[in-house]
Amino acid sequence: MEFSKIATEMNTRIENGEQETVEIELDHGEIVNCAIMIVLTVNDKDYIVLLPLDKNGQNHDGNVWFYEFIWDGSDKEPELGYISDDAEYEAVSEAFDLYLDDVEFDELVELPEEGLDGEE
């Protein structure tokens, strides 16, 4: 899976604990705190995967939200865009499923530090 420069930078911040949650204001005014899971790059656009949390900081249903992630890497706050195109949403969902498969594989199989041919 390939990541844009912006996605790589943001994912590094997430992994380092610098950016763990974000507040999302829904259309009806409710504010939901969400854990940031990852920023994916799909068809040259970045998307953020959010895990909505309840008031106790938990998620009991496993649902995630996808938004377009718009950030130029500056000190300005990133913007989130609604994904209205079904095909675009499906592509992001499939990319997230592939990411989860990769993470699960990495957890199941401990890869050696050196390359498969024994070289470092």
PDB file of N, CA and C in Angstrom:
ATOM      1  N   MET A   1       0.854  -1.169   0.000  1.00  0.00           N
ATOM      2  CA  MET A   1       0.000   0.000   0.000  1.00  0.00           C
ATOM      3  C   MET A   1       0.901   1.232   0.000  1.00  0.00           C
ATOM      4  N   GLU A   2       0.601   2.158  -0.881  1.00  0.00           N
ATOM      5  CA  GLU A   2       1.401   3.376  -0.992  1.00  0.00           C
ATOM      6  C   GLU A   2       0.672   4.528  -0.306  1.00  0.00           C
ATOM      7  N   PHE A   3       1.466   5.433   0.263  1.00  0.00           N
ATOM      8  CA  PHE A   3       0.928   6.592   0.955  1.00  0.00           C
ATOM      9  C   PHE A   3       1.562   7.852   0.380  1.00  0.00           C
ATOM     10  N   SER A   4       0.772   8.917   0.281  1.00  0.00           N
ATOM     11  CA  SER A   4       1.309  10.196  -0.163  1.00  0.00           C
ATOM     12  C   SER A   4       2.236  10.752   0.922  1.00  0.00           C
ATOM     13  N   LYS A   5       2.949  11.808   0.577  1.00  0.00           N
ATOM     14  CA  LYS A   5       3.834  12.457   1.549  1.00  0.00           C
ATOM     15  C   LYS A   5       3.020  12.971   2.738  1.00  0.00           C
ATOM     16  N   ILE A   6       1.880  13.583   2.453  1.00  0.00           N
ATOM     17  CA  ILE A   6       1.018  14.106   3.520  1.00  0.00           C
ATOM     18  C   ILE A   6       0.502  12.968   4.397  1.00  0.00           C
ATOM     19  N   ALA A   7       0.039  11.876   3.786  1.00  0.00           N
ATOM     20  CA  ALA A   7      -0.465  10.736   4.554  1.00  0.00           C
ATOM     21  C   ALA A   7       0.645  10.148   5.416  1.00  0.00           C
ATOM     22  N   THR A   8       1.842  10.021   4.853  1.00  0.00           N
ATOM     23  CA  THR A   8       2.971   9.473   5.612  1.00  0.00           C
ATOM     24  C   THR A   8       3.298  10.366   6.804  1.00  0.00           C
ATOM     25  N   GLU A   9       3.307  11.674   6.581  1.00  0.00           N
ATOM     26  CA  GLU A   9       3.590  12.610   7.674  1.00  0.00           C
ATOM     27  C   GLU A   9       2.530  12.511   8.768  1.00  0.00           C
ATOM     28  N   MET A  10       1.271  12.480   8.372  1.00  0.00           N
ATOM     29  CA  MET A  10       0.198  12.396   9.357  1.00  0.00           C
ATOM     30  C   MET A  10       0.234  11.062  10.091  1.00  0.00           C
ATOM     31  N   ASN A  11       0.466   9.969   9.381  1.00  0.00           N
ATOM     32  CA  ASN A  11       0.519   8.652  10.028  1.00  0.00           C
ATOM     33  C   ASN A  11       1.681   8.562  11.009  1.00  0.00           C
ATOM     34  N   THR A  12       2.783   9.231  10.703  1.00  0.00           N
ATOM     35  CA  THR A  12       3.911   9.282  11.635  1.00  0.00           C
ATOM     36  C   THR A  12       3.501  10.014  12.905  1.00  0.00           C
ATOM     37  N   ARG A  13       2.763  11.109  12.754  1.00  0.00           N
ATOM     38  CA  ARG A  13       2.266  11.854  13.920  1.00  0.00           C
ATOM     39  C   ARG A  13       1.323  10.991  14.753  1.00  0.00           C
ATOM     40  N   ILE A  14       0.484  10.215  14.072  1.00  0.00           N
ATOM     41  CA  ILE A  14      -0.448   9.329  14.777  1.00  0.00           C
ATOM     42  C   ILE A  14       0.335   8.262  15.546  1.00  0.00           C
ATOM     43  N   GLU A  15       1.289   7.619  14.888  1.00  0.00           N
ATOM     44  CA  GLU A  15       2.089   6.566  15.520  1.00  0.00           C
ATOM     45  C   GLU A  15       2.888   7.099  16.705  1.00  0.00           C
ATOM     46  N   ASN A  16       3.332   8.341  16.630  1.00  0.00           N
ATOM     47  CA  ASN A  16       4.122   8.950  17.706  1.00  0.00           C
ATOM     48  C   ASN A  16       3.243   9.541  18.814  1.00  0.00           C
ATOM     49  N   GLY A  17       1.933   9.398  18.698  1.00  0.00           N
ATOM     50  CA  GLY A  17       1.024   9.896  19.724  1.00  0.00           C
ATOM     51  C   GLY A  17       0.815  11.397  19.696  1.00  0.00           C
ATOM     52  N   GLU A  18       1.240  12.060  18.627  1.00  0.00           N
ATOM     53  CA  GLU A  18       1.083  13.508  18.530  1.00  0.00           C
ATOM     54  C   GLU A  18      -0.335  13.898  18.127  1.00  0.00           C
ATOM     55  N   GLN A  19      -1.032  13.025  17.428  1.00  0.00           N
ATOM     56  CA  GLN A  19      -2.380  13.314  16.938  1.00  0.00           C
ATOM     57  C   GLN A  19      -3.197  12.049  17.092  1.00  0.00           C
ATOM     58  N   GLU A  20      -3.952  11.952  18.177  1.00  0.00           N
ATOM     59  CA  GLU A  20      -4.671  10.714  18.449  1.00  0.00           C
ATOM     60  C   GLU A  20      -6.173  10.817  18.236  1.00  0.00           C
ATOM     61  N   THR A  21      -6.730  12.006  18.489  1.00  0.00           N
ATOM     62  CA  THR A  21      -8.177  12.170  18.355  1.00  0.00           C
ATOM     63  C   THR A  21      -8.499  13.479  17.643  1.00  0.00           C
ATOM     64  N   VAL A  22      -9.737  13.557  17.185  1.00  0.00           N
ATOM     65  CA  VAL A  22     -10.249  14.760  16.552  1.00  0.00           C
ATOM     66  C   VAL A  22     -11.729  14.865  16.902  1.00  0.00           C
ATOM     67  N   GLU A  23     -12.226  16.087  17.040  1.00  0.00           N
ATOM     68  CA  GLU A  23     -13.652  16.291  17.282  1.00  0.00           C
ATOM     69  C   GLU A  23     -14.334  16.601  15.959  1.00  0.00           C
ATOM     70  N   ILE A  24     -15.443  15.922  15.703  1.00  0.00           N
ATOM     71  CA  ILE A  24     -16.231  16.114  14.493  1.00  0.00           C
ATOM     72  C   ILE A  24     -17.593  16.669  14.898  1.00  0.00           C
ATOM     73  N   GLU A  25     -17.996  17.766  14.257  1.00  0.00           N
ATOM     74  CA  GLU A  25     -19.336  18.295  14.497  1.00  0.00           C
ATOM     75  C   GLU A  25     -20.255  17.764  13.413  1.00  0.00           C
ATOM     76  N   LEU A  26     -21.270  17.026  13.825  1.00  0.00           N
ATOM     77  CA  LEU A  26     -22.226  16.455  12.885  1.00  0.00           C
ATOM     78  C   LEU A  26     -23.231  17.518  12.451  1.00  0.00           C
ATOM     79  N   ASP A  27     -23.996  17.210  11.409  1.00  0.00           N
ATOM     80  CA  ASP A  27     -24.943  18.176  10.828  1.00  0.00           C
ATOM     81  C   ASP A  27     -25.921  18.740  11.853  1.00  0.00           C
ATOM     82  N   HIS A  28     -26.336  17.932  12.806  1.00  0.00           N
ATOM     83  CA  HIS A  28     -27.328  18.382  13.780  1.00  0.00           C
ATOM     84  C   HIS A  28     -26.684  19.018  15.016  1.00  0.00           C
ATOM     85  N   GLY A  29     -25.376  19.315  14.947  1.00  0.00           N
ATOM     86  CA  GLY A  29     -24.704  20.044  16.011  1.00  0.00           C
ATOM     87  C   GLY A  29     -24.011  19.192  17.056  1.00  0.00           C
ATOM     88  N   GLU A  30     -24.277  17.899  17.057  1.00  0.00           N
ATOM     89  CA  GLU A  30     -23.612  17.013  18.022  1.00  0.00           C
ATOM     90  C   GLU A  30     -22.120  16.934  17.709  1.00  0.00           C
ATOM     91  N   ILE A  31     -21.309  16.984  18.756  1.00  0.00           N
ATOM     92  CA  ILE A  31     -19.864  16.850  18.593  1.00  0.00           C
ATOM     93  C   ILE A  31     -19.456  15.457  19.052  1.00  0.00           C
ATOM     94  N   VAL A  32     -18.718  14.765  18.179  1.00  0.00           N
ATOM     95  CA  VAL A  32     -18.275  13.400  18.470  1.00  0.00           C
ATOM     96  C   VAL A  32     -16.755  13.381  18.469  1.00  0.00           C
ATOM     97  N   ASN A  33     -16.189  12.841  19.527  1.00  0.00           N
ATOM     98  CA  ASN A  33     -14.744  12.659  19.596  1.00  0.00           C
ATOM     99  C   ASN A  33     -14.421  11.356  18.871  1.00  0.00           C
ATOM    100  N   CYS A  34     -13.419  11.397  17.997  1.00  0.00           N
ATOM    101  CA  CYS A  34     -13.049  10.226  17.204  1.00  0.00           C
ATOM    102  C   CYS A  34     -11.564   9.939  17.333  1.00  0.00           C
ATOM    103  N   ALA A  35     -11.231   8.671  17.434  1.00  0.00           N
ATOM    104  CA  ALA A  35      -9.835   8.253  17.371  1.00  0.00           C
ATOM    105  C   ALA A  35      -9.424   8.225  15.909  1.00  0.00           C
ATOM    106  N   ILE A  36      -8.230   8.735  15.622  1.00  0.00           N
ATOM    107  CA  ILE A  36      -7.708   8.708  14.258  1.00  0.00           C
ATOM    108  C   ILE A  36      -6.984   7.387  14.071  1.00  0.00           C
ATOM    109  N   MET A  37      -7.425   6.611  13.099  1.00  0.00           N
ATOM    110  CA  MET A  37      -6.809   5.308  12.863  1.00  0.00           C
ATOM    111  C   MET A  37      -5.652   5.407  11.876  1.00  0.00           C
ATOM    112  N   ILE A  38      -5.893   6.029  10.732  1.00  0.00           N
ATOM    113  CA  ILE A  38      -4.879   6.117   9.681  1.00  0.00           C
ATOM    114  C   ILE A  38      -5.338   7.093   8.615  1.00  0.00           C
ATOM    115  N   VAL A  39      -4.377   7.603   7.859  1.00  0.00           N
ATOM    116  CA  VAL A  39      -4.674   8.374   6.658  1.00  0.00           C
ATOM    117  C   VAL A  39      -4.224   7.524   5.477  1.00  0.00           C
ATOM    118  N   LEU A  40      -5.157   7.217   4.589  1.00  0.00           N
ATOM    119  CA  LEU A  40      -4.897   6.387   3.412  1.00  0.00           C
ATOM    120  C   LEU A  40      -4.820   7.247   2.164  1.00  0.00           C
ATOM    121  N   THR A  41      -4.074   6.785   1.184  1.00  0.00           N
ATOM    122  CA  THR A  41      -4.048   7.445  -0.110  1.00  0.00           C
ATOM    123  C   THR A  41      -4.691   6.519  -1.125  1.00  0.00           C
ATOM    124  N   VAL A  42      -5.736   7.011  -1.781  1.00  0.00           N
ATOM    125  CA  VAL A  42      -6.480   6.239  -2.770  1.00  0.00           C
ATOM    126  C   VAL A  42      -6.663   7.119  -3.997  1.00  0.00           C
ATOM    127  N   ASN A  43      -6.197   6.637  -5.147  1.00  0.00           N
ATOM    128  CA  ASN A  43      -6.319   7.400  -6.399  1.00  0.00           C
ATOM    129  C   ASN A  43      -5.802   8.830  -6.242  1.00  0.00           C
ATOM    130  N   ASP A  44      -4.634   8.965  -5.641  1.00  0.00           N
ATOM    131  CA  ASP A  44      -3.937  10.240  -5.477  1.00  0.00           C
ATOM    132  C   ASP A  44      -4.644  11.239  -4.562  1.00  0.00           C
ATOM    133  N   LYS A  45      -5.595  10.784  -3.753  1.00  0.00           N
ATOM    134  CA  LYS A  45      -6.248  11.640  -2.772  1.00  0.00           C
ATOM    135  C   LYS A  45      -6.077  10.993  -1.405  1.00  0.00           C
ATOM    136  N   ASP A  46      -6.034  11.820  -0.368  1.00  0.00           N
ATOM    137  CA  ASP A  46      -5.893  11.322   0.995  1.00  0.00           C
ATOM    138  C   ASP A  46      -7.245  11.256   1.689  1.00  0.00           C
ATOM    139  N   TYR A  47      -7.389  10.220   2.510  1.00  0.00           N
ATOM    140  CA  TYR A  47      -8.623   9.997   3.268  1.00  0.00           C
ATOM    141  C   TYR A  47      -8.246   9.613   4.689  1.00  0.00           C
ATOM    142  N   ILE A  48      -9.016  10.107   5.639  1.00  0.00           N
ATOM    143  CA  ILE A  48      -8.770   9.778   7.034  1.00  0.00           C
ATOM    144  C   ILE A  48      -9.819   8.778   7.502  1.00  0.00           C
ATOM    145  N   VAL A  49      -9.381   7.833   8.326  1.00  0.00           N
ATOM    146  CA  VAL A  49     -10.274   6.822   8.887  1.00  0.00           C
ATOM    147  C   VAL A  49     -10.421   7.145  10.370  1.00  0.00           C
ATOM    148  N   LEU A  50     -11.662   7.392  10.786  1.00  0.00           N
ATOM    149  CA  LEU A  50     -11.954   7.781  12.165  1.00  0.00           C
ATOM    150  C   LEU A  50     -12.813   6.734  12.854  1.00  0.00           C
ATOM    151  N   LEU A  51     -12.522   6.510  14.122  1.00  0.00           N
ATOM    152  CA  LEU A  51     -13.297   5.592  14.952  1.00  0.00           C
ATOM    153  C   LEU A  51     -14.068   6.433  15.961  1.00  0.00           C
ATOM    154  N   PRO A  52     -15.405   6.589  15.782  1.00  0.00           N
ATOM    155  CA  PRO A  52     -16.178   7.419  16.709  1.00  0.00           C
ATOM    156  C   PRO A  52     -16.202   6.797  18.109  1.00  0.00           C
ATOM    157  N   LEU A  53     -16.038   7.654  19.107  1.00  0.00           N
ATOM    158  CA  LEU A  53     -15.975   7.199  20.500  1.00  0.00           C
ATOM    159  C   LEU A  53     -17.164   7.732  21.286  1.00  0.00           C
ATOM    160  N   ASP A  54     -17.618   6.963  22.271  1.00  0.00           N
ATOM    161  CA  ASP A  54     -18.693   7.444  23.136  1.00  0.00           C
ATOM    162  C   ASP A  54     -18.094   8.341  24.223  1.00  0.00           C
ATOM    163  N   LYS A  55     -18.924   8.801  25.149  1.00  0.00           N
ATOM    164  CA  LYS A  55     -18.447   9.740  26.177  1.00  0.00           C
ATOM    165  C   LYS A  55     -17.401   9.122  27.096  1.00  0.00           C
ATOM    166  N   ASN A  56     -17.302   7.786  27.100  1.00  0.00           N
ATOM    167  CA  ASN A  56     -16.298   7.093  27.903  1.00  0.00           C
ATOM    168  C   ASN A  56     -15.043   6.755  27.101  1.00  0.00           C
ATOM    169  N   GLY A  57     -14.983   7.238  25.857  1.00  0.00           N
ATOM    170  CA  GLY A  57     -13.823   6.981  25.020  1.00  0.00           C
ATOM    171  C   GLY A  57     -13.794   5.585  24.431  1.00  0.00           C
ATOM    172  N   GLN A  58     -14.956   4.971  24.294  1.00  0.00           N
ATOM    173  CA  GLN A  58     -15.054   3.604  23.781  1.00  0.00           C
ATOM    174  C   GLN A  58     -15.821   3.574  22.460  1.00  0.00           C
ATOM    175  N   ASN A  59     -15.587   2.525  21.690  1.00  0.00           N
ATOM    176  CA  ASN A  59     -16.367   2.249  20.487  1.00  0.00           C
ATOM    177  C   ASN A  59     -16.810   0.804  20.592  1.00  0.00           C
ATOM    178  N   HIS A  60     -18.116   0.595  20.616  1.00  0.00           N
ATOM    179  CA  HIS A  60     -18.632  -0.753  20.842  1.00  0.00           C
ATOM    180  C   HIS A  60     -19.117  -1.448  19.579  1.00  0.00           C
ATOM    181  N   ASP A  61     -19.299  -0.707  18.481  1.00  0.00           N
ATOM    182  CA  ASP A  61     -19.838  -1.342  17.278  1.00  0.00           C
ATOM    183  C   ASP A  61     -18.797  -1.560  16.182  1.00  0.00           C
ATOM    184  N   GLY A  62     -17.612  -0.986  16.325  1.00  0.00           N
ATOM    185  CA  GLY A  62     -16.552  -1.183  15.340  1.00  0.00           C
ATOM    186  C   GLY A  62     -16.715  -0.396  14.051  1.00  0.00           C
ATOM    187  N   ASN A  63     -17.757   0.436  13.971  1.00  0.00           N
ATOM    188  CA  ASN A  63     -17.955   1.249  12.768  1.00  0.00           C
ATOM    189  C   ASN A  63     -16.883   2.326  12.677  1.00  0.00           C
ATOM    190  N   VAL A  64     -16.449   2.594  11.470  1.00  0.00           N
ATOM    191  CA  VAL A  64     -15.489   3.670  11.231  1.00  0.00           C
ATOM    192  C   VAL A  64     -16.102   4.645  10.235  1.00  0.00           C
ATOM    193  N   TRP A  65     -15.586   5.876  10.246  1.00  0.00           N
ATOM    194  CA  TRP A  65     -16.037   6.900   9.324  1.00  0.00           C
ATOM    195  C   TRP A  65     -14.881   7.265   8.410  1.00  0.00           C
ATOM    196  N   PHE A  66     -15.190   7.485   7.137  1.00  0.00           N
ATOM    197  CA  PHE A  66     -14.201   7.900   6.149  1.00  0.00           C
ATOM    198  C   PHE A  66     -14.505   9.328   5.707  1.00  0.00           C
ATOM    199  N   TYR A  67     -13.453  10.141   5.663  1.00  0.00           N
ATOM    200  CA  TYR A  67     -13.558  11.503   5.154  1.00  0.00           C
ATOM    201  C   TYR A  67     -12.372  11.779   4.250  1.00  0.00           C
ATOM    202  N   GLU A  68     -12.574  12.654   3.275  1.00  0.00           N
ATOM    203  CA  GLU A  68     -11.429  13.134   2.514  1.00  0.00           C
ATOM    204  C   GLU A  68     -10.586  13.977   3.472  1.00  0.00           C
ATOM    205  N   PHE A  69      -9.286  13.823   3.403  1.00  0.00           N
ATOM    206  CA  PHE A  69      -8.358  14.521   4.289  1.00  0.00           C
ATOM    207  C   PHE A  69      -7.611  15.562   3.459  1.00  0.00           C
ATOM    208  N   ILE A  70      -7.838  16.830   3.777  1.00  0.00           N
ATOM    209  CA  ILE A  70      -7.269  17.923   2.998  1.00  0.00           C
ATOM    210  C   ILE A  70      -6.327  18.713   3.913  1.00  0.00           C
ATOM    211  N   TRP A  71      -5.023  18.606   3.609  1.00  0.00           N
ATOM    212  CA  TRP A  71      -4.025  19.269   4.436  1.00  0.00           C
ATOM    213  C   TRP A  71      -2.800  19.535   3.587  1.00  0.00           C
ATOM    214  N   ASP A  72      -2.244  20.701   3.731  1.00  0.00           N
ATOM    215  CA  ASP A  72      -1.060  21.039   2.945  1.00  0.00           C
ATOM    216  C   ASP A  72       0.227  20.840   3.721  1.00  0.00           C
ATOM    217  N   GLY A  73       0.133  20.293   4.946  1.00  0.00           N
ATOM    218  CA  GLY A  73       1.319  20.036   5.748  1.00  0.00           C
ATOM    219  C   GLY A  73       1.777  21.238   6.554  1.00  0.00           C
ATOM    220  N   SER A  74       1.063  22.358   6.443  1.00  0.00           N
ATOM    221  CA  SER A  74       1.450  23.568   7.163  1.00  0.00           C
ATOM    222  C   SER A  74       0.876  23.542   8.579  1.00  0.00           C
ATOM    223  N   ASP A  75       1.003  24.667   9.259  1.00  0.00           N
ATOM    224  CA  ASP A  75       0.480  24.778  10.623  1.00  0.00           C
ATOM    225  C   ASP A  75      -1.041  24.938  10.656  1.00  0.00           C
ATOM    226  N   LYS A  76      -1.643  25.159   9.494  1.00  0.00           N
ATOM    227  CA  LYS A  76      -3.104  25.268   9.434  1.00  0.00           C
ATOM    228  C   LYS A  76      -3.733  23.929   9.798  1.00  0.00           C
ATOM    229  N   GLU A  77      -4.927  23.991  10.344  1.00  0.00           N
ATOM    230  CA  GLU A  77      -5.654  22.775  10.676  1.00  0.00           C
ATOM    231  C   GLU A  77      -6.093  22.058   9.397  1.00  0.00           C
ATOM    232  N   PRO A  78      -6.004  20.738   9.370  1.00  0.00           N
ATOM    233  CA  PRO A  78      -6.503  19.989   8.211  1.00  0.00           C
ATOM    234  C   PRO A  78      -8.018  20.155   8.093  1.00  0.00           C
ATOM    235  N   GLU A  79      -8.512  19.964   6.895  1.00  0.00           N
ATOM    236  CA  GLU A  79      -9.951  19.998   6.653  1.00  0.00           C
ATOM    237  C   GLU A  79     -10.418  18.589   6.309  1.00  0.00           C
ATOM    238  N   LEU A  80     -11.664  18.310   6.624  1.00  0.00           N
ATOM    239  CA  LEU A  80     -12.267  17.034   6.275  1.00  0.00           C
ATOM    240  C   LEU A  80     -13.375  17.279   5.271  1.00  0.00           C
ATOM    241  N   GLY A  81     -13.403  16.458   4.232  1.00  0.00           N
ATOM    242  CA  GLY A  81     -14.425  16.588   3.211  1.00  0.00           C
ATOM    243  C   GLY A  81     -15.327  15.369   3.189  1.00  0.00           C
ATOM    244  N   TYR A  82     -16.590  15.605   2.988  1.00  0.00           N
ATOM    245  CA  TYR A  82     -17.574  14.533   2.893  1.00  0.00           C
ATOM    246  C   TYR A  82     -17.393  13.791   1.567  1.00  0.00           C
ATOM    247  N   ILE A  83     -17.481  12.469   1.605  1.00  0.00           N
ATOM    248  CA  ILE A  83     -17.366  11.649   0.396  1.00  0.00           C
ATOM    249  C   ILE A  83     -18.784  11.352  -0.084  1.00  0.00           C
ATOM    250  N   SER A  84     -19.205  11.991  -1.171  1.00  0.00           N
ATOM    251  CA  SER A  84     -20.577  11.814  -1.654  1.00  0.00           C
ATOM    252  C   SER A  84     -20.682  10.794  -2.778  1.00  0.00           C
ATOM    253  N   ASP A  85     -19.573  10.485  -3.436  1.00  0.00           N
ATOM    254  CA  ASP A  85     -19.583   9.543  -4.553  1.00  0.00           C
ATOM    255  C   ASP A  85     -19.463   8.106  -4.033  1.00  0.00           C
ATOM    256  N   ASP A  86     -20.432   7.254  -4.385  1.00  0.00           N
ATOM    257  CA  ASP A  86     -20.447   5.874  -3.897  1.00  0.00           C
ATOM    258  C   ASP A  86     -19.208   5.084  -4.318  1.00  0.00           C
ATOM    259  N   ALA A  87     -18.756   5.270  -5.554  1.00  0.00           N
ATOM    260  CA  ALA A  87     -17.581   4.535  -6.041  1.00  0.00           C
ATOM    261  C   ALA A  87     -16.330   4.977  -5.289  1.00  0.00           C
ATOM    262  N   GLU A  88     -16.219   6.266  -5.025  1.00  0.00           N
ATOM    263  CA  GLU A  88     -15.079   6.782  -4.265  1.00  0.00           C
ATOM    264  C   GLU A  88     -15.092   6.217  -2.850  1.00  0.00           C
ATOM    265  N   TYR A  89     -16.268   6.217  -2.217  1.00  0.00           N
ATOM    266  CA  TYR A  89     -16.403   5.680  -0.862  1.00  0.00           C
ATOM    267  C   TYR A  89     -16.025   4.199  -0.841  1.00  0.00           C
ATOM    268  N   GLU A  90     -16.487   3.457  -1.817  1.00  0.00           N
ATOM    269  CA  GLU A  90     -16.190   2.015  -1.901  1.00  0.00           C
ATOM    270  C   GLU A  90     -14.689   1.781  -2.070  1.00  0.00           C
ATOM    271  N   ALA A  91     -14.027   2.613  -2.863  1.00  0.00           N
ATOM    272  CA  ALA A  91     -12.576   2.476  -3.063  1.00  0.00           C
ATOM    273  C   ALA A  91     -11.823   2.717  -1.754  1.00  0.00           C
ATOM    274  N   VAL A  92     -12.262   3.698  -0.976  1.00  0.00           N
ATOM    275  CA  VAL A  92     -11.633   3.981   0.316  1.00  0.00           C
ATOM    276  C   VAL A  92     -11.892   2.823   1.289  1.00  0.00           C
ATOM    277  N   SER A  93     -13.110   2.321   1.286  1.00  0.00           N
ATOM    278  CA  SER A  93     -13.455   1.192   2.147  1.00  0.00           C
ATOM    279  C   SER A  93     -12.603  -0.035   1.822  1.00  0.00           C
ATOM    280  N   GLU A  94     -12.426  -0.311   0.546  1.00  0.00           N
ATOM    281  CA  GLU A  94     -11.597  -1.450   0.129  1.00  0.00           C
ATOM    282  C   GLU A  94     -10.135  -1.235   0.520  1.00  0.00           C
ATOM    283  N   ALA A  95      -9.641  -0.019   0.378  1.00  0.00           N
ATOM    284  CA  ALA A  95      -8.263   0.277   0.777  1.00  0.00           C
ATOM    285  C   ALA A  95      -8.087   0.076   2.281  1.00  0.00           C
ATOM    286  N   PHE A  96      -9.097   0.456   3.063  1.00  0.00           N
ATOM    287  CA  PHE A  96      -9.029   0.261   4.505  1.00  0.00           C
ATOM    288  C   PHE A  96      -9.037  -1.228   4.848  1.00  0.00           C
ATOM    289  N   ASP A  97      -9.858  -2.005   4.157  1.00  0.00           N
ATOM    290  CA  ASP A  97      -9.870  -3.455   4.366  1.00  0.00           C
ATOM    291  C   ASP A  97      -8.498  -4.062   4.061  1.00  0.00           C
ATOM    292  N   LEU A  98      -7.864  -3.616   2.976  1.00  0.00           N
ATOM    293  CA  LEU A  98      -6.519  -4.095   2.639  1.00  0.00           C
ATOM    294  C   LEU A  98      -5.518  -3.711   3.719  1.00  0.00           C
ATOM    295  N   TYR A  99      -5.632  -2.499   4.227  1.00  0.00           N
ATOM    296  CA  TYR A  99      -4.761  -2.059   5.318  1.00  0.00           C
ATOM    297  C   TYR A  99      -4.944  -2.965   6.538  1.00  0.00           C
ATOM    298  N   LEU A 100      -6.197  -3.251   6.898  1.00  0.00           N
ATOM    299  CA  LEU A 100      -6.455  -4.123   8.046  1.00  0.00           C
ATOM    300  C   LEU A 100      -5.877  -5.517   7.819  1.00  0.00           C
ATOM    301  N   ASP A 101      -6.000  -6.036   6.596  1.00  0.00           N
ATOM    302  CA  ASP A 101      -5.411  -7.334   6.271  1.00  0.00           C
ATOM    303  C   ASP A 101      -3.902  -7.306   6.450  1.00  0.00           C
ATOM    304  N   ASP A 102      -3.255  -6.216   5.997  1.00  0.00           N
ATOM    305  CA  ASP A 102      -1.803  -6.075   6.146  1.00  0.00           C
ATOM    306  C   ASP A 102      -1.401  -6.033   7.616  1.00  0.00           C
ATOM    307  N   VAL A 103      -2.132  -5.278   8.419  1.00  0.00           N
ATOM    308  CA  VAL A 103      -1.826  -5.159   9.844  1.00  0.00           C
ATOM    309  C   VAL A 103      -1.997  -6.514  10.518  1.00  0.00           C
ATOM    310  N   GLU A 104      -3.081  -7.207  10.192  1.00  0.00           N
ATOM    311  CA  GLU A 104      -3.335  -8.521  10.782  1.00  0.00           C
ATOM    312  C   GLU A 104      -2.239  -9.506  10.390  1.00  0.00           C
ATOM    313  N   PHE A 105      -1.815  -9.479   9.129  1.00  0.00           N
ATOM    314  CA  PHE A 105      -0.747 -10.362   8.666  1.00  0.00           C
ATOM    315  C   PHE A 105       0.547 -10.057   9.409  1.00  0.00           C
ATOM    316  N   ASP A 106       0.869  -8.776   9.547  1.00  0.00           N
ATOM    317  CA  ASP A 106       2.094  -8.387  10.248  1.00  0.00           C
ATOM    318  C   ASP A 106       2.078  -8.838  11.699  1.00  0.00           C
ATOM    319  N   GLU A 107       0.900  -8.836  12.331  1.00  0.00           N
ATOM    320  CA  GLU A 107       0.803  -9.279  13.716  1.00  0.00           C
ATOM    321  C   GLU A 107       0.912 -10.794  13.830  1.00  0.00           C
ATOM    322  N   LEU A 108       0.430 -11.522  12.825  1.00  0.00           N
ATOM    323  CA  LEU A 108       0.470 -12.976  12.855  1.00  0.00           C
ATOM    324  C   LEU A 108       1.838 -13.539  12.508  1.00  0.00           C
ATOM    325  N   VAL A 109       2.525 -12.877  11.596  1.00  0.00           N
ATOM    326  CA  VAL A 109       3.802 -13.367  11.106  1.00  0.00           C
ATOM    327  C   VAL A 109       4.893 -12.394  11.520  1.00  0.00           C
ATOM    328  N   GLU A 110       5.814 -12.870  12.333  1.00  0.00           N
ATOM    329  CA  GLU A 110       6.932 -12.020  12.727  1.00  0.00           C
ATOM    330  C   GLU A 110       8.003 -12.141  11.664  1.00  0.00           C
ATOM    331  N   LEU A 111       8.195 -11.058  10.922  1.00  0.00           N
ATOM    332  CA  LEU A 111       9.172 -11.063   9.839  1.00  0.00           C
ATOM    333  C   LEU A 111      10.568 -10.814  10.398  1.00  0.00           C
ATOM    334  N   PRO A 112      11.578 -11.437   9.805  1.00  0.00           N
ATOM    335  CA  PRO A 112      12.950 -11.219  10.281  1.00  0.00           C
ATOM    336  C   PRO A 112      13.397  -9.783   9.992  1.00  0.00           C
ATOM    337  N   GLU A 113      14.325  -9.301  10.784  1.00  0.00           N
ATOM    338  CA  GLU A 113      14.852  -7.951  10.605  1.00  0.00           C
ATOM    339  C   GLU A 113      15.581  -7.807   9.285  1.00  0.00           C
ATOM    340  N   GLU A 114      16.319  -8.853   8.880  1.00  0.00           N
ATOM    341  CA  GLU A 114      17.033  -8.790   7.619  1.00  0.00           C
ATOM    342  C   GLU A 114      16.119  -9.252   6.485  1.00  0.00           C
ATOM    343  N   GLY A 115      16.533  -9.052   5.282  1.00  0.00           N
ATOM    344  CA  GLY A 115      15.744  -9.437   4.120  1.00  0.00           C
ATOM    345  C   GLY A 115      15.522 -10.934   4.058  1.00  0.00           C
ATOM    346  N   LEU A 116      14.606 -11.350   3.213  1.00  0.00           N
ATOM    347  CA  LEU A 116      14.275 -12.766   3.105  1.00  0.00           C
ATOM    348  C   LEU A 116      15.453 -13.607   2.604  1.00  0.00           C
ATOM    349  N   ASP A 117      16.381 -12.979   1.892  1.00  0.00           N
ATOM    350  CA  ASP A 117      17.526 -13.731   1.381  1.00  0.00           C
ATOM    351  C   ASP A 117      18.690 -13.754   2.369  1.00  0.00           C
ATOM    352  N   GLY A 118      18.448 -13.245   3.599  1.00  0.00           N
ATOM    353  CA  GLY A 118      19.449 -13.264   4.632  1.00  0.00           C
ATOM    354  C   GLY A 118      20.330 -12.023   4.654  1.00  0.00           C
ATOM    355  N   GLU A 119      20.167 -11.142   3.678  1.00  0.00           N
ATOM    356  CA  GLU A 119      20.959  -9.910   3.644  1.00  0.00           C
ATOM    357  C   GLU A 119      20.229  -8.822   4.387  1.00  0.00           C
ATOM    358  N   GLU A 120      21.007  -7.879   4.925  1.00  0.00           N
ATOM    359  CA  GLU A 120      20.401  -6.758   5.628  1.00  0.00           C
ATOM    360  C   GLU A 120      20.237  -5.587   4.706  1.00  0.00           C
TER     361      GLU A 120
END
